Amino acid sequence: MASIYSCKECNTNFNLHTNCLFPPDFYFEAGNKGTLSFSAVDTSKFKFEKEDKIRPFFETLDYWGIQRKRTKMMCVNCGKIVGYVYDDGPPMTDSPGQFHFGPSQVIPRAARYRLKNKALMITTET
C-alpha cells in the first residue's frame, strides 16, 4: 500500500517515498507537530530558498534562539511553501560528540525535509 503526496494547491505529485518517511514519534529538536518528515526528496519537484532571519524564535524547549537558518521548500509549479529543510536529522557520524556528551550541533547532521500536513494532499493506492 503506497501513498501519493501531492501539492494541495495544484495537485503536482512530489514523488515522495514512504520508505524515506521518519516515524511520527521520531524526536527532532525543531519538533514534528503537524508535519511529515522525510530523509530524502525528489529535488526536481521543489524550489529551495535559503532563509536567514535574525529575530527571536521558539519552536520547542530544545529549539529556540536568536538567529534561524533554514531553507524554504516551495512547489515548483505554483510556488506555494510546502515545508522547510532543517539540519536536525540523525547524526551523520557515530561519534560520541564533543566531550562525549552525545550528538550536538558540532556533529554534522543529516538534512530533514519537513512538509506541512495542511499543504499536502495524501492519497493511498492499493
N, C-alpha and C. Protein backbone atom coordinates (compact mmCIF):
# COMPACT_ATOMS: atom_id res chain seq x y z
N MET A 1 0.85 -1.18 0.00
CA MET A 1 0.00 0.00 0.00
C MET A 1 0.89 1.24 0.00
N ALA A 2 0.84 2.02 -1.05
CA ALA A 2 1.70 3.20 -1.19
C ALA A 2 0.86 4.46 -1.07
N SER A 3 1.50 5.51 -0.60
CA SER A 3 0.84 6.81 -0.51
C SER A 3 1.41 7.74 -1.55
N ILE A 4 0.56 8.59 -2.11
CA ILE A 4 0.99 9.60 -3.07
C ILE A 4 0.84 10.96 -2.40
N TYR A 5 1.94 11.69 -2.34
CA TYR A 5 1.96 13.01 -1.72
C TYR A 5 2.02 14.06 -2.83
N SER A 6 1.03 14.96 -2.84
CA SER A 6 0.99 15.98 -3.88
C SER A 6 0.61 17.33 -3.27
N CYS A 7 0.82 18.39 -4.05
CA CYS A 7 0.52 19.76 -3.62
C CYS A 7 -0.99 19.95 -3.55
N LYS A 8 -1.46 20.51 -2.46
CA LYS A 8 -2.89 20.73 -2.30
C LYS A 8 -3.39 21.83 -3.24
N GLU A 9 -2.51 22.74 -3.62
CA GLU A 9 -2.87 23.88 -4.46
C GLU A 9 -3.01 23.49 -5.94
N CYS A 10 -2.03 22.77 -6.47
CA CYS A 10 -2.02 22.50 -7.92
C CYS A 10 -1.96 21.01 -8.28
N ASN A 11 -2.02 20.11 -7.29
CA ASN A 11 -2.01 18.66 -7.50
C ASN A 11 -0.73 18.11 -8.12
N THR A 12 0.38 18.81 -8.00
CA THR A 12 1.66 18.29 -8.50
C THR A 12 2.13 17.15 -7.62
N ASN A 13 2.43 16.01 -8.22
CA ASN A 13 2.94 14.86 -7.47
C ASN A 13 4.39 15.15 -7.06
N PHE A 14 4.69 15.07 -5.76
CA PHE A 14 6.03 15.37 -5.26
C PHE A 14 6.98 14.18 -5.34
N ASN A 15 6.49 13.01 -5.73
CA ASN A 15 7.32 11.82 -5.88
C ASN A 15 8.06 11.49 -4.58
N LEU A 16 7.35 11.56 -3.45
CA LEU A 16 7.92 11.23 -2.15
C LEU A 16 7.66 9.76 -1.86
N HIS A 17 8.64 9.12 -1.24
CA HIS A 17 8.53 7.69 -0.96
C HIS A 17 8.36 7.46 0.54
N THR A 18 7.46 6.56 0.89
CA THR A 18 7.20 6.29 2.31
C THR A 18 8.38 5.62 3.00
N ASN A 19 9.29 5.00 2.24
CA ASN A 19 10.47 4.41 2.88
C ASN A 19 11.45 5.48 3.36
N CYS A 20 11.30 6.73 2.92
CA CYS A 20 12.12 7.85 3.40
C CYS A 20 11.42 8.64 4.49
N LEU A 21 10.23 8.22 4.89
CA LEU A 21 9.43 8.92 5.89
C LEU A 21 9.88 8.53 7.30
N PHE A 22 10.17 9.54 8.14
CA PHE A 22 10.51 9.26 9.54
C PHE A 22 9.24 8.87 10.30
N PRO A 23 9.35 8.02 11.32
CA PRO A 23 8.18 7.67 12.12
C PRO A 23 7.61 8.91 12.81
N PRO A 24 6.30 8.97 13.06
CA PRO A 24 5.69 10.17 13.65
C PRO A 24 6.20 10.48 15.06
N ASP A 25 6.71 9.48 15.78
CA ASP A 25 7.20 9.73 17.14
C ASP A 25 8.72 9.96 17.20
N PHE A 26 9.37 10.10 16.04
CA PHE A 26 10.82 10.34 15.99
C PHE A 26 11.11 11.73 16.56
N TYR A 27 12.13 11.84 17.42
CA TYR A 27 12.44 13.12 18.07
C TYR A 27 13.30 14.00 17.18
N PHE A 28 12.88 15.25 17.02
CA PHE A 28 13.65 16.28 16.33
C PHE A 28 13.70 17.51 17.22
N GLU A 29 14.84 18.21 17.22
CA GLU A 29 14.96 19.41 18.05
C GLU A 29 13.93 20.46 17.67
N ALA A 30 13.65 20.60 16.38
CA ALA A 30 12.70 21.62 15.91
C ALA A 30 11.26 21.15 15.97
N GLY A 31 11.02 19.96 16.52
CA GLY A 31 9.66 19.46 16.63
C GLY A 31 9.20 18.77 15.36
N ASN A 32 8.02 18.17 15.45
CA ASN A 32 7.48 17.43 14.32
C ASN A 32 5.96 17.51 14.31
N LYS A 33 5.38 18.45 15.04
CA LYS A 33 3.93 18.55 15.19
C LYS A 33 3.28 19.08 13.90
N GLY A 34 2.28 18.37 13.42
CA GLY A 34 1.54 18.81 12.24
C GLY A 34 2.33 18.73 10.95
N THR A 35 3.37 17.89 10.92
CA THR A 35 4.20 17.78 9.73
C THR A 35 4.56 16.33 9.46
N LEU A 36 5.05 16.10 8.26
CA LEU A 36 5.64 14.81 7.88
C LEU A 36 7.10 15.09 7.56
N SER A 37 7.99 14.27 8.08
CA SER A 37 9.43 14.48 7.86
C SER A 37 10.02 13.36 7.03
N PHE A 38 10.76 13.75 5.99
CA PHE A 38 11.39 12.81 5.08
C PHE A 38 12.91 12.97 5.14
N SER A 39 13.62 11.87 4.91
CA SER A 39 15.08 11.93 4.89
C SER A 39 15.60 12.29 3.50
N ALA A 40 14.79 12.11 2.47
CA ALA A 40 15.19 12.44 1.10
C ALA A 40 13.94 12.81 0.29
N VAL A 41 14.13 13.72 -0.66
CA VAL A 41 13.04 14.14 -1.55
C VAL A 41 13.57 14.24 -2.98
N ASP A 42 12.65 14.28 -3.93
CA ASP A 42 13.00 14.50 -5.34
C ASP A 42 13.18 16.01 -5.52
N THR A 43 14.42 16.46 -5.62
CA THR A 43 14.69 17.91 -5.66
C THR A 43 14.18 18.59 -6.92
N SER A 44 13.84 17.83 -7.96
CA SER A 44 13.30 18.45 -9.18
C SER A 44 11.85 18.90 -8.99
N LYS A 45 11.19 18.46 -7.92
CA LYS A 45 9.79 18.81 -7.66
C LYS A 45 9.65 20.04 -6.76
N PHE A 46 10.76 20.57 -6.25
CA PHE A 46 10.72 21.69 -5.32
C PHE A 46 11.68 22.80 -5.73
N LYS A 47 11.35 24.03 -5.33
CA LYS A 47 12.28 25.15 -5.40
C LYS A 47 12.75 25.38 -3.97
N PHE A 48 14.03 25.65 -3.80
CA PHE A 48 14.60 25.86 -2.47
C PHE A 48 15.10 27.29 -2.34
N GLU A 49 14.79 27.92 -1.21
CA GLU A 49 15.21 29.31 -0.97
C GLU A 49 15.72 29.41 0.47
N LYS A 50 16.98 29.81 0.61
CA LYS A 50 17.57 29.93 1.95
C LYS A 50 16.92 31.07 2.71
N GLU A 51 16.73 30.84 4.00
CA GLU A 51 16.12 31.84 4.88
C GLU A 51 17.05 32.02 6.08
N ASP A 52 17.45 33.26 6.34
CA ASP A 52 18.33 33.57 7.46
C ASP A 52 17.76 34.78 8.17
N LYS A 53 17.05 34.53 9.27
CA LYS A 53 16.39 35.62 9.99
C LYS A 53 17.07 35.83 11.34
N ILE A 54 17.27 37.08 11.68
CA ILE A 54 17.81 37.41 12.99
C ILE A 54 16.68 38.04 13.79
N ARG A 55 16.01 37.22 14.54
CA ARG A 55 14.95 37.63 15.46
C ARG A 55 14.66 36.43 16.36
N PRO A 56 14.18 36.67 17.55
CA PRO A 56 13.94 35.55 18.45
C PRO A 56 12.90 34.58 17.89
N PHE A 57 13.14 33.29 18.08
CA PHE A 57 12.16 32.28 17.71
C PHE A 57 12.14 31.21 18.80
N PHE A 58 11.01 30.54 18.92
CA PHE A 58 10.83 29.49 19.91
C PHE A 58 9.89 28.45 19.34
N GLU A 59 10.44 27.27 19.01
CA GLU A 59 9.59 26.20 18.47
C GLU A 59 9.34 25.11 19.50
N THR A 60 10.40 24.69 20.19
CA THR A 60 10.28 23.69 21.25
C THR A 60 11.24 24.08 22.36
N LEU A 61 11.21 23.37 23.47
CA LEU A 61 12.14 23.64 24.56
C LEU A 61 13.59 23.47 24.14
N ASP A 62 13.84 22.57 23.18
CA ASP A 62 15.20 22.31 22.71
C ASP A 62 15.58 23.11 21.46
N TYR A 63 14.64 23.82 20.87
CA TYR A 63 14.92 24.51 19.61
C TYR A 63 14.42 25.95 19.70
N TRP A 64 15.31 26.83 20.08
CA TRP A 64 14.98 28.25 20.19
C TRP A 64 16.27 29.04 20.01
N GLY A 65 16.18 30.33 19.81
CA GLY A 65 17.38 31.14 19.65
C GLY A 65 17.09 32.51 19.07
N ILE A 66 18.13 33.15 18.62
CA ILE A 66 18.04 34.50 18.04
C ILE A 66 18.10 34.44 16.52
N GLN A 67 18.96 33.58 15.98
CA GLN A 67 19.13 33.51 14.53
C GLN A 67 18.62 32.17 14.02
N ARG A 68 17.73 32.21 13.05
CA ARG A 68 17.18 30.98 12.47
C ARG A 68 17.67 30.84 11.04
N LYS A 69 18.32 29.71 10.77
CA LYS A 69 18.74 29.39 9.41
C LYS A 69 18.01 28.13 8.98
N ARG A 70 17.26 28.25 7.92
CA ARG A 70 16.56 27.10 7.36
C ARG A 70 16.33 27.38 5.88
N THR A 71 15.80 26.41 5.18
CA THR A 71 15.57 26.55 3.75
C THR A 71 14.10 26.29 3.46
N LYS A 72 13.46 27.22 2.76
CA LYS A 72 12.06 27.05 2.37
C LYS A 72 11.96 26.04 1.23
N MET A 73 10.93 25.22 1.27
CA MET A 73 10.62 24.31 0.17
C MET A 73 9.32 24.76 -0.47
N MET A 74 9.38 25.08 -1.76
CA MET A 74 8.19 25.54 -2.47
C MET A 74 7.88 24.62 -3.63
N CYS A 75 6.61 24.48 -3.94
CA CYS A 75 6.19 23.68 -5.09
C CYS A 75 6.76 24.32 -6.36
N VAL A 76 7.33 23.50 -7.22
CA VAL A 76 7.96 24.02 -8.43
C VAL A 76 6.92 24.60 -9.40
N ASN A 77 5.68 24.14 -9.36
CA ASN A 77 4.65 24.63 -10.28
C ASN A 77 3.96 25.90 -9.80
N CYS A 78 3.43 25.89 -8.56
CA CYS A 78 2.63 27.04 -8.11
C CYS A 78 3.39 27.97 -7.17
N GLY A 79 4.52 27.54 -6.62
CA GLY A 79 5.32 28.39 -5.75
C GLY A 79 4.85 28.45 -4.31
N LYS A 80 3.85 27.64 -3.94
CA LYS A 80 3.35 27.63 -2.56
C LYS A 80 4.38 26.98 -1.64
N ILE A 81 4.59 27.57 -0.45
CA ILE A 81 5.50 27.00 0.53
C ILE A 81 4.85 25.74 1.11
N VAL A 82 5.55 24.62 0.96
CA VAL A 82 5.01 23.35 1.45
C VAL A 82 5.79 22.82 2.64
N GLY A 83 6.94 23.43 2.95
CA GLY A 83 7.71 22.98 4.10
C GLY A 83 9.06 23.65 4.18
N TYR A 84 9.91 23.09 5.04
CA TYR A 84 11.24 23.64 5.29
C TYR A 84 12.24 22.51 5.42
N VAL A 85 13.50 22.84 5.15
CA VAL A 85 14.59 21.89 5.36
C VAL A 85 15.32 22.32 6.63
N TYR A 86 15.45 21.40 7.58
CA TYR A 86 16.17 21.64 8.82
C TYR A 86 17.39 20.72 8.86
N ASP A 87 18.40 21.13 9.58
CA ASP A 87 19.59 20.30 9.76
C ASP A 87 19.59 19.68 11.15
N ASP A 88 18.47 19.08 11.53
CA ASP A 88 18.38 18.44 12.85
C ASP A 88 18.04 16.97 12.73
N GLY A 89 18.39 16.37 11.60
CA GLY A 89 18.15 14.94 11.40
C GLY A 89 19.13 14.10 12.19
N PRO A 90 19.17 12.82 11.91
CA PRO A 90 20.09 11.94 12.63
C PRO A 90 21.55 12.33 12.39
N PRO A 91 22.42 12.09 13.38
CA PRO A 91 23.85 12.41 13.20
C PRO A 91 24.43 11.62 12.02
N MET A 92 25.35 12.25 11.28
CA MET A 92 25.94 11.61 10.12
C MET A 92 27.17 10.78 10.49
N THR A 93 27.59 10.83 11.75
CA THR A 93 28.72 10.04 12.21
C THR A 93 28.32 9.27 13.47
N ASP A 94 29.14 8.29 13.83
CA ASP A 94 28.90 7.53 15.06
C ASP A 94 29.69 8.09 16.23
N SER A 95 30.18 9.32 16.08
CA SER A 95 30.99 9.94 17.12
C SER A 95 30.17 10.19 18.38
N PRO A 96 30.77 10.04 19.56
CA PRO A 96 30.04 10.30 20.80
C PRO A 96 29.84 11.80 21.05
N GLY A 97 30.38 12.63 20.21
CA GLY A 97 30.17 14.07 20.36
C GLY A 97 31.30 14.75 21.10
N GLN A 98 31.19 16.05 21.18
CA GLN A 98 32.21 16.84 21.86
C GLN A 98 32.19 16.51 23.34
N PHE A 99 33.33 16.18 23.90
CA PHE A 99 33.49 15.82 25.31
C PHE A 99 32.65 14.61 25.70
N HIS A 100 32.27 13.77 24.73
CA HIS A 100 31.48 12.56 24.95
C HIS A 100 30.12 12.84 25.60
N PHE A 101 29.50 13.98 25.25
CA PHE A 101 28.17 14.33 25.77
C PHE A 101 27.06 13.96 24.80
N GLY A 102 27.36 13.23 23.75
CA GLY A 102 26.34 12.85 22.78
C GLY A 102 26.29 13.82 21.61
N PRO A 103 25.45 13.52 20.62
CA PRO A 103 25.37 14.37 19.43
C PRO A 103 25.01 15.81 19.79
N SER A 104 25.62 16.73 19.09
CA SER A 104 25.35 18.15 19.33
C SER A 104 25.43 18.88 18.00
N GLN A 105 25.39 20.19 18.05
CA GLN A 105 25.47 20.99 16.82
C GLN A 105 26.84 20.86 16.17
N VAL A 106 27.85 20.42 16.93
CA VAL A 106 29.20 20.28 16.40
C VAL A 106 29.27 19.10 15.42
N ILE A 107 28.50 18.06 15.69
CA ILE A 107 28.48 16.89 14.81
C ILE A 107 27.55 17.17 13.64
N PRO A 108 28.03 16.94 12.40
CA PRO A 108 27.16 17.19 11.25
C PRO A 108 25.93 16.29 11.28
N ARG A 109 24.80 16.88 10.97
CA ARG A 109 23.54 16.14 11.00
C ARG A 109 22.94 16.10 9.60
N ALA A 110 22.21 15.06 9.33
CA ALA A 110 21.56 14.90 8.02
C ALA A 110 20.41 15.89 7.90
N ALA A 111 20.14 16.27 6.68
CA ALA A 111 19.02 17.19 6.42
C ALA A 111 17.70 16.46 6.65
N ARG A 112 16.72 17.22 7.13
CA ARG A 112 15.37 16.67 7.32
C ARG A 112 14.42 17.56 6.54
N TYR A 113 13.63 16.98 5.68
CA TYR A 113 12.67 17.71 4.87
C TYR A 113 11.33 17.63 5.58
N ARG A 114 10.91 18.76 6.15
CA ARG A 114 9.71 18.81 6.99
C ARG A 114 8.58 19.45 6.18
N LEU A 115 7.59 18.66 5.80
CA LEU A 115 6.49 19.14 4.98
C LEU A 115 5.24 19.32 5.83
N LYS A 116 4.54 20.42 5.62
CA LYS A 116 3.33 20.72 6.38
C LYS A 116 2.19 19.82 5.92
N ASN A 117 1.47 19.25 6.87
CA ASN A 117 0.31 18.41 6.52
C ASN A 117 -0.75 19.20 5.77
N LYS A 118 -0.95 20.46 6.15
CA LYS A 118 -2.01 21.25 5.52
C LYS A 118 -1.67 21.67 4.10
N ALA A 119 -0.40 21.51 3.68
CA ALA A 119 -0.01 21.86 2.32
C ALA A 119 0.04 20.64 1.41
N LEU A 120 -0.16 19.45 1.99
CA LEU A 120 -0.09 18.21 1.22
C LEU A 120 -1.45 17.57 1.03
N MET A 121 -1.62 16.93 -0.11
CA MET A 121 -2.77 16.09 -0.35
C MET A 121 -2.24 14.66 -0.40
N ILE A 122 -2.72 13.83 0.50
CA ILE A 122 -2.22 12.46 0.61
C ILE A 122 -3.31 11.49 0.15
N THR A 123 -2.98 10.70 -0.86
CA THR A 123 -3.90 9.67 -1.35
C THR A 123 -3.19 8.34 -1.26
N THR A 124 -3.93 7.31 -0.90
CA THR A 124 -3.33 5.97 -0.84
C THR A 124 -3.89 5.13 -1.96
N GLU A 125 -2.98 4.36 -2.53
CA GLU A 125 -3.42 3.45 -3.59
C GLU A 125 -3.08 2.03 -3.15
N THR A 126 -3.91 1.11 -3.54
CA THR A 126 -3.74 -0.29 -3.12
C THR A 126 -3.21 -1.14 -4.23
